[in-house]
């Protein structure tokens, strides 16, 4: 894997770009597509750049097209072997084709000030947890947020609680993440975290002090 450069701070404590991880399918809950559409719109309206996986299908394509239709700036990053499988969004002005998944994920990290996980599958889970792991190991202090739409990420959050109860996540190695129950609270939470604030979301503990 390429060398990971330590990036502990966001430039000037200002949110300029957000990476969205999400499914390349739509799933069975129609609220997920609506959430992706709304998130793309909000990112564009806030003047932020969307960084995402470069595909045009599923929630991935939905959030990108929504941002574009709202006048936003979008960077798509896709590995060569997924160009056809995820139907690369060729209309993007900023489209990067990488050699492999490792390069893709590193570029998504480098180009983003924060990370949002919408509903998705194993790939979405892996990407979000990897960002949490890098933060846990002190490699960055960029916010990582789980968009817990209709409780989608609740089983994962319960698993974290289980790991904590079993002693595998100790207080001195807490996994830093935020939890948003609705799309409209995501960007304010990220902006608050980056500016150095502390906050809780609907009673769910988020280790913002580590960000």
C-alpha atoms as a PDB file:
ATOM      1  CA  UNK A   1       0.000   0.000   0.000  1.00  0.00           C
ATOM      2  CA  UNK A   2       1.263   3.554  -0.711  1.00  0.00           C
ATOM      3  CA  UNK A   3       2.793   5.420   2.207  1.00  0.00           C
ATOM      4  CA  UNK A   4       0.188   7.158   4.372  1.00  0.00           C
ATOM      5  CA  UNK A   5       1.195  10.704   5.136  1.00  0.00           C
ATOM      6  CA  UNK A   6       0.143  11.940   8.538  1.00  0.00           C
ATOM      7  CA  UNK A   7      -2.476  14.671   8.148  1.00  0.00           C
ATOM      8  CA  UNK A   8      -3.582  15.590  11.648  1.00  0.00           C
ATOM      9  CA  UNK A   9      -5.366  18.852  10.912  1.00  0.00           C
ATOM     10  CA  UNK A  10      -7.765  20.270   8.389  1.00  0.00           C
ATOM     11  CA  UNK A  11      -6.363  23.327   6.606  1.00  0.00           C
ATOM     12  CA  UNK A  12      -7.308  26.491   8.499  1.00  0.00           C
ATOM     13  CA  UNK A  13      -9.967  24.540  10.422  1.00  0.00           C
ATOM     14  CA  UNK A  14     -12.284  24.996   7.459  1.00  0.00           C
ATOM     15  CA  UNK A  15     -14.469  22.418   5.782  1.00  0.00           C
ATOM     16  CA  UNK A  16     -13.927  22.601   2.017  1.00  0.00           C
ATOM     17  CA  UNK A  17     -14.462  19.049   0.792  1.00  0.00           C
ATOM     18  CA  UNK A  18     -16.299  15.981   2.023  1.00  0.00           C
ATOM     19  CA  UNK A  19     -15.888  12.357   1.021  1.00  0.00           C
ATOM     20  CA  UNK A  20     -19.072  10.301   0.821  1.00  0.00           C
ATOM     21  CA  UNK A  21     -18.933   6.516   1.050  1.00  0.00           C
ATOM     22  CA  UNK A  22     -22.121   4.728   0.000  1.00  0.00           C
ATOM     23  CA  UNK A  23     -23.567   1.762  -1.822  1.00  0.00           C
ATOM     24  CA  UNK A  24     -23.410   1.150  -5.552  1.00  0.00           C
ATOM     25  CA  UNK A  25     -26.941  -0.267  -5.154  1.00  0.00           C
ATOM     26  CA  UNK A  26     -30.127   1.373  -3.883  1.00  0.00           C
ATOM     27  CA  UNK A  27     -31.005  -1.138  -1.181  1.00  0.00           C
ATOM     28  CA  UNK A  28     -34.529  -1.950  -0.065  1.00  0.00           C
ATOM     29  CA  UNK A  29     -35.259   1.239   1.912  1.00  0.00           C
ATOM     30  CA  UNK A  30     -36.390   4.067  -0.359  1.00  0.00           C
ATOM     31  CA  UNK A  31     -35.400   6.637   2.280  1.00  0.00           C
ATOM     32  CA  UNK A  32     -31.753   5.898   1.519  1.00  0.00           C
ATOM     33  CA  UNK A  33     -32.018   7.202  -2.046  1.00  0.00           C
ATOM     34  CA  UNK A  34     -33.845  10.282  -0.791  1.00  0.00           C
ATOM     35  CA  UNK A  35     -31.084  10.816   1.775  1.00  0.00           C
ATOM     36  CA  UNK A  36     -28.373  10.565  -0.892  1.00  0.00           C
ATOM     37  CA  UNK A  37     -30.221  13.073  -3.067  1.00  0.00           C
ATOM     38  CA  UNK A  38     -30.605  15.510  -0.196  1.00  0.00           C
ATOM     39  CA  UNK A  39     -26.976  15.156   0.875  1.00  0.00           C
ATOM     40  CA  UNK A  40     -25.673  15.907  -2.617  1.00  0.00           C
ATOM     41  CA  UNK A  41     -27.864  18.990  -2.754  1.00  0.00           C
ATOM     42  CA  UNK A  42     -26.706  20.247   0.652  1.00  0.00           C
ATOM     43  CA  UNK A  43     -23.035  19.706  -0.158  1.00  0.00           C
ATOM     44  CA  UNK A  44     -23.402  21.759  -3.339  1.00  0.00           C
ATOM     45  CA  UNK A  45     -25.419  24.516  -1.659  1.00  0.00           C
ATOM     46  CA  UNK A  46     -22.748  24.804   1.044  1.00  0.00           C
ATOM     47  CA  UNK A  47     -20.091  25.402  -1.608  1.00  0.00           C
ATOM     48  CA  UNK A  48     -18.232  22.226  -0.707  1.00  0.00           C
ATOM     49  CA  UNK A  49     -16.559  19.774  -3.048  1.00  0.00           C
ATOM     50  CA  UNK A  50     -17.926  16.226  -3.073  1.00  0.00           C
ATOM     51  CA  UNK A  51     -15.321  13.471  -3.264  1.00  0.00           C
ATOM     52  CA  UNK A  52     -16.738  10.036  -4.008  1.00  0.00           C
ATOM     53  CA  UNK A  53     -16.107   6.727  -5.756  1.00  0.00           C
ATOM     54  CA  UNK A  54     -16.665   7.855  -9.341  1.00  0.00           C
ATOM     55  CA  UNK A  55     -19.574   5.581 -10.290  1.00  0.00           C
ATOM     56  CA  UNK A  56     -22.990   6.467 -11.698  1.00  0.00           C
ATOM     57  CA  UNK A  57     -25.052   3.645 -10.169  1.00  0.00           C
ATOM     58  CA  UNK A  58     -26.915   3.223  -6.891  1.00  0.00           C
ATOM     59  CA  UNK A  59     -26.576   5.709  -4.043  1.00  0.00           C
ATOM     60  CA  UNK A  60     -23.119   6.566  -5.364  1.00  0.00           C
ATOM     61  CA  UNK A  61     -24.512   7.936  -8.610  1.00  0.00           C
ATOM     62  CA  UNK A  62     -27.429   9.563  -6.803  1.00  0.00           C
ATOM     63  CA  UNK A  63     -25.336  11.719  -4.488  1.00  0.00           C
ATOM     64  CA  UNK A  64     -22.988  12.745  -7.307  1.00  0.00           C
ATOM     65  CA  UNK A  65     -25.717  13.644  -9.795  1.00  0.00           C
ATOM     66  CA  UNK A  66     -27.640  15.533  -7.126  1.00  0.00           C
ATOM     67  CA  UNK A  67     -24.566  17.620  -6.299  1.00  0.00           C
ATOM     68  CA  UNK A  68     -23.928  18.299  -9.992  1.00  0.00           C
ATOM     69  CA  UNK A  69     -27.538  19.271 -10.647  1.00  0.00           C
ATOM     70  CA  UNK A  70     -27.316  21.715  -7.729  1.00  0.00           C
ATOM     71  CA  UNK A  71     -24.236  23.362  -9.229  1.00  0.00           C
ATOM     72  CA  UNK A  72     -21.693  21.646  -7.015  1.00  0.00           C
ATOM     73  CA  UNK A  73     -18.115  20.541  -7.647  1.00  0.00           C
ATOM     74  CA  UNK A  74     -17.553  16.795  -7.733  1.00  0.00           C
ATOM     75  CA  UNK A  75     -14.385  14.700  -7.797  1.00  0.00           C
ATOM     76  CA  UNK A  76     -14.805  11.055  -8.752  1.00  0.00           C
ATOM     77  CA  UNK A  77     -12.060   8.523  -8.000  1.00  0.00           C
ATOM     78  CA  UNK A  78     -12.442   5.037  -9.423  1.00  0.00           C
ATOM     79  CA  UNK A  79     -10.030   2.118  -9.974  1.00  0.00           C
ATOM     80  CA  UNK A  80      -9.592   0.911 -13.527  1.00  0.00           C
ATOM     81  CA  UNK A  81     -11.187  -2.493 -12.911  1.00  0.00           C
ATOM     82  CA  UNK A  82     -14.447  -0.906 -11.703  1.00  0.00           C
ATOM     83  CA  UNK A  83     -14.962   1.467 -14.648  1.00  0.00           C
ATOM     84  CA  UNK A  84     -17.628  -0.784 -16.187  1.00  0.00           C
ATOM     85  CA  UNK A  85     -18.957  -2.479 -13.059  1.00  0.00           C
ATOM     86  CA  UNK A  86     -19.764   0.802 -11.325  1.00  0.00           C
ATOM     87  CA  UNK A  87     -20.471   2.573 -14.640  1.00  0.00           C
ATOM     88  CA  UNK A  88     -17.946   5.392 -14.351  1.00  0.00           C
ATOM     89  CA  UNK A  89     -19.580   8.848 -14.442  1.00  0.00           C
ATOM     90  CA  UNK A  90     -17.742  10.169 -17.483  1.00  0.00           C
ATOM     91  CA  UNK A  91     -19.425  13.587 -17.423  1.00  0.00           C
ATOM     92  CA  UNK A  92     -17.386  14.651 -14.386  1.00  0.00           C
ATOM     93  CA  UNK A  93     -14.873  17.441 -14.948  1.00  0.00           C
ATOM     94  CA  UNK A  94     -12.641  15.956 -12.251  1.00  0.00           C
ATOM     95  CA  UNK A  95     -12.474  12.197 -12.758  1.00  0.00           C
ATOM     96  CA  UNK A  96      -9.455  10.183 -11.638  1.00  0.00           C
ATOM     97  CA  UNK A  97      -8.864   6.565 -12.673  1.00  0.00           C
ATOM     98  CA  UNK A  98      -6.475   4.754 -10.343  1.00  0.00           C
ATOM     99  CA  UNK A  99      -4.446   1.575 -10.625  1.00  0.00           C
ATOM    100  CA  UNK A 100      -6.138  -0.168  -7.714  1.00  0.00           C
ATOM    101  CA  UNK A 101      -8.316   0.224  -4.619  1.00  0.00           C
ATOM    102  CA  UNK A 102      -5.403   1.238  -2.393  1.00  0.00           C
ATOM    103  CA  UNK A 103      -4.580   4.240  -4.573  1.00  0.00           C
ATOM    104  CA  UNK A 104      -8.262   5.131  -4.800  1.00  0.00           C
ATOM    105  CA  UNK A 105      -8.746   5.177  -1.040  1.00  0.00           C
ATOM    106  CA  UNK A 106      -5.557   7.131  -0.387  1.00  0.00           C
ATOM    107  CA  UNK A 107      -6.536   9.830  -2.904  1.00  0.00           C
ATOM    108  CA  UNK A 108     -10.030  10.041  -1.434  1.00  0.00           C
ATOM    109  CA  UNK A 109      -8.422  10.538   1.957  1.00  0.00           C
ATOM    110  CA  UNK A 110      -5.973  13.189   0.762  1.00  0.00           C
ATOM    111  CA  UNK A 111      -8.616  15.206  -1.098  1.00  0.00           C
ATOM    112  CA  UNK A 112     -11.170  15.261   1.729  1.00  0.00           C
ATOM    113  CA  UNK A 113     -11.559  17.214   4.951  1.00  0.00           C
ATOM    114  CA  UNK A 114     -14.215  14.885   6.396  1.00  0.00           C
ATOM    115  CA  UNK A 115     -15.882  11.546   5.693  1.00  0.00           C
ATOM    116  CA  UNK A 116     -19.560  10.579   5.589  1.00  0.00           C
ATOM    117  CA  UNK A 117     -20.835   7.004   5.441  1.00  0.00           C
ATOM    118  CA  UNK A 118     -24.300   6.680   3.930  1.00  0.00           C
ATOM    119  CA  UNK A 119     -25.914   3.219   3.851  1.00  0.00           C
ATOM    120  CA  UNK A 120     -23.974   0.704   1.810  1.00  0.00           C
ATOM    121  CA  UNK A 121     -22.410  -2.739   1.760  1.00  0.00           C
ATOM    122  CA  UNK A 122     -19.105  -4.297   2.734  1.00  0.00           C
ATOM    123  CA  UNK A 123     -17.066  -1.784   0.720  1.00  0.00           C
ATOM    124  CA  UNK A 124     -18.751   1.175   2.411  1.00  0.00           C
ATOM    125  CA  UNK A 125     -18.254  -0.415   5.810  1.00  0.00           C
ATOM    126  CA  UNK A 126     -14.601  -1.138   5.114  1.00  0.00           C
ATOM    127  CA  UNK A 127     -13.886   2.408   3.927  1.00  0.00           C
ATOM    128  CA  UNK A 128     -15.556   4.074   6.911  1.00  0.00           C
ATOM    129  CA  UNK A 129     -13.949   1.770   9.474  1.00  0.00           C
ATOM    130  CA  UNK A 130     -10.541   2.246   7.866  1.00  0.00           C
ATOM    131  CA  UNK A 131     -10.841   6.004   8.359  1.00  0.00           C
ATOM    132  CA  UNK A 132     -11.779   5.364  11.996  1.00  0.00           C
ATOM    133  CA  UNK A 133      -8.775   3.055  12.362  1.00  0.00           C
ATOM    134  CA  UNK A 134      -6.369   5.619  10.906  1.00  0.00           C
ATOM    135  CA  UNK A 135      -7.801   8.225  13.288  1.00  0.00           C
ATOM    136  CA  UNK A 136      -7.503   5.810  16.224  1.00  0.00           C
ATOM    137  CA  UNK A 137      -3.840   5.295  15.333  1.00  0.00           C
ATOM    138  CA  UNK A 138      -3.201   9.029  15.192  1.00  0.00           C
ATOM    139  CA  UNK A 139      -2.827   9.324  11.418  1.00  0.00           C
ATOM    140  CA  UNK A 140      -5.427  12.054  11.018  1.00  0.00           C
ATOM    141  CA  UNK A 141      -8.003  14.133  12.876  1.00  0.00           C
ATOM    142  CA  UNK A 142     -10.587  14.496  10.154  1.00  0.00           C
ATOM    143  CA  UNK A 143     -14.191  13.839  11.256  1.00  0.00           C
ATOM    144  CA  UNK A 144     -15.773  10.506  10.332  1.00  0.00           C
ATOM    145  CA  UNK A 145     -19.574  10.496  10.428  1.00  0.00           C
ATOM    146  CA  UNK A 146     -22.076   7.654  10.200  1.00  0.00           C
ATOM    147  CA  UNK A 147     -25.344   8.762   8.592  1.00  0.00           C
ATOM    148  CA  UNK A 148     -27.603   6.485  10.603  1.00  0.00           C
ATOM    149  CA  UNK A 149     -30.630   6.806   8.319  1.00  0.00           C
ATOM    150  CA  UNK A 150     -33.541   4.786   9.714  1.00  0.00           C
ATOM    151  CA  UNK A 151     -31.088   3.100  12.057  1.00  0.00           C
ATOM    152  CA  UNK A 152     -29.003   1.593   9.260  1.00  0.00           C
ATOM    153  CA  UNK A 153     -25.716   1.795  11.179  1.00  0.00           C
ATOM    154  CA  UNK A 154     -27.235   0.870  14.559  1.00  0.00           C
ATOM    155  CA  UNK A 155     -25.929  -2.749  14.445  1.00  0.00           C
ATOM    156  CA  UNK A 156     -22.400  -1.424  13.836  1.00  0.00           C
ATOM    157  CA  UNK A 157     -22.721   1.058  16.685  1.00  0.00           C
ATOM    158  CA  UNK A 158     -23.916  -1.783  18.923  1.00  0.00           C
ATOM    159  CA  UNK A 159     -20.887  -3.819  17.833  1.00  0.00           C
ATOM    160  CA  UNK A 160     -18.595  -0.957  18.847  1.00  0.00           C
ATOM    161  CA  UNK A 161     -20.332  -0.923  22.242  1.00  0.00           C
ATOM    162  CA  UNK A 162     -19.786  -4.681  22.506  1.00  0.00           C
ATOM    163  CA  UNK A 163     -16.084  -4.322  21.638  1.00  0.00           C
ATOM    164  CA  UNK A 164     -15.811  -1.590  24.252  1.00  0.00           C
ATOM    165  CA  UNK A 165     -17.535  -3.723  26.902  1.00  0.00           C
ATOM    166  CA  UNK A 166     -15.215  -6.626  26.091  1.00  0.00           C
ATOM    167  CA  UNK A 167     -12.164  -4.426  26.557  1.00  0.00           C
ATOM    168  CA  UNK A 168     -11.023  -4.277  22.930  1.00  0.00           C
ATOM    169  CA  UNK A 169     -11.721  -0.556  22.611  1.00  0.00           C
ATOM    170  CA  UNK A 170     -10.129   1.048  25.644  1.00  0.00           C
ATOM    171  CA  UNK A 171     -10.733   4.629  26.800  1.00  0.00           C
ATOM    172  CA  UNK A 172      -7.218   5.552  25.656  1.00  0.00           C
ATOM    173  CA  UNK A 173      -7.850   4.115  22.182  1.00  0.00           C
ATOM    174  CA  UNK A 174     -11.406   5.270  21.587  1.00  0.00           C
ATOM    175  CA  UNK A 175     -12.665   5.079  17.994  1.00  0.00           C
ATOM    176  CA  UNK A 176     -13.526   8.653  16.947  1.00  0.00           C
ATOM    177  CA  UNK A 177     -16.768   9.017  15.005  1.00  0.00           C
ATOM    178  CA  UNK A 178     -19.932  11.071  14.819  1.00  0.00           C
ATOM    179  CA  UNK A 179     -23.497   9.868  14.405  1.00  0.00           C
ATOM    180  CA  UNK A 180     -26.185  11.775  12.526  1.00  0.00           C
ATOM    181  CA  UNK A 181     -29.806  10.657  12.529  1.00  0.00           C
ATOM    182  CA  UNK A 182     -30.868  12.973   9.718  1.00  0.00           C
ATOM    183  CA  UNK A 183     -29.191  14.350   6.603  1.00  0.00           C
ATOM    184  CA  UNK A 184     -29.752  17.997   7.493  1.00  0.00           C
ATOM    185  CA  UNK A 185     -27.630  17.779  10.659  1.00  0.00           C
ATOM    186  CA  UNK A 186     -24.579  16.255   8.941  1.00  0.00           C
ATOM    187  CA  UNK A 187     -22.785  19.339   7.616  1.00  0.00           C
ATOM    188  CA  UNK A 188     -23.333  21.453  10.775  1.00  0.00           C
ATOM    189  CA  UNK A 189     -21.913  18.581  12.840  1.00  0.00           C
ATOM    190  CA  UNK A 190     -18.840  18.287  10.621  1.00  0.00           C
ATOM    191  CA  UNK A 191     -18.260  22.032  10.559  1.00  0.00           C
ATOM    192  CA  UNK A 192     -18.575  22.192  14.341  1.00  0.00           C
ATOM    193  CA  UNK A 193     -16.144  19.311  14.803  1.00  0.00           C
ATOM    194  CA  UNK A 194     -13.549  20.813  12.475  1.00  0.00           C
ATOM    195  CA  UNK A 195     -13.773  24.181  14.189  1.00  0.00           C
ATOM    196  CA  UNK A 196     -12.809  22.474  17.446  1.00  0.00           C
ATOM    197  CA  UNK A 197     -16.232  22.227  19.033  1.00  0.00           C
ATOM    198  CA  UNK A 198     -17.666  19.376  21.047  1.00  0.00           C
ATOM    199  CA  UNK A 199     -21.126  17.995  20.463  1.00  0.00           C
ATOM    200  CA  UNK A 200     -23.351  15.008  20.898  1.00  0.00           C
ATOM    201  CA  UNK A 201     -25.946  13.728  18.446  1.00  0.00           C
ATOM    202  CA  UNK A 202     -29.308  12.633  19.875  1.00  0.00           C
ATOM    203  CA  UNK A 203     -27.642  11.251  22.978  1.00  0.00           C
ATOM    204  CA  UNK A 204     -25.160   9.133  21.037  1.00  0.00           C
ATOM    205  CA  UNK A 205     -21.595   9.586  22.251  1.00  0.00           C
ATOM    206  CA  UNK A 206     -19.233  10.836  19.595  1.00  0.00           C
ATOM    207  CA  UNK A 207     -15.568  11.182  20.424  1.00  0.00           C
ATOM    208  CA  UNK A 208     -15.202  14.628  18.892  1.00  0.00           C
ATOM    209  CA  UNK A 209     -12.477  15.575  21.375  1.00  0.00           C
ATOM    210  CA  UNK A 210     -10.174  13.230  19.435  1.00  0.00           C
ATOM    211  CA  UNK A 211     -10.826  15.079  16.186  1.00  0.00           C
END
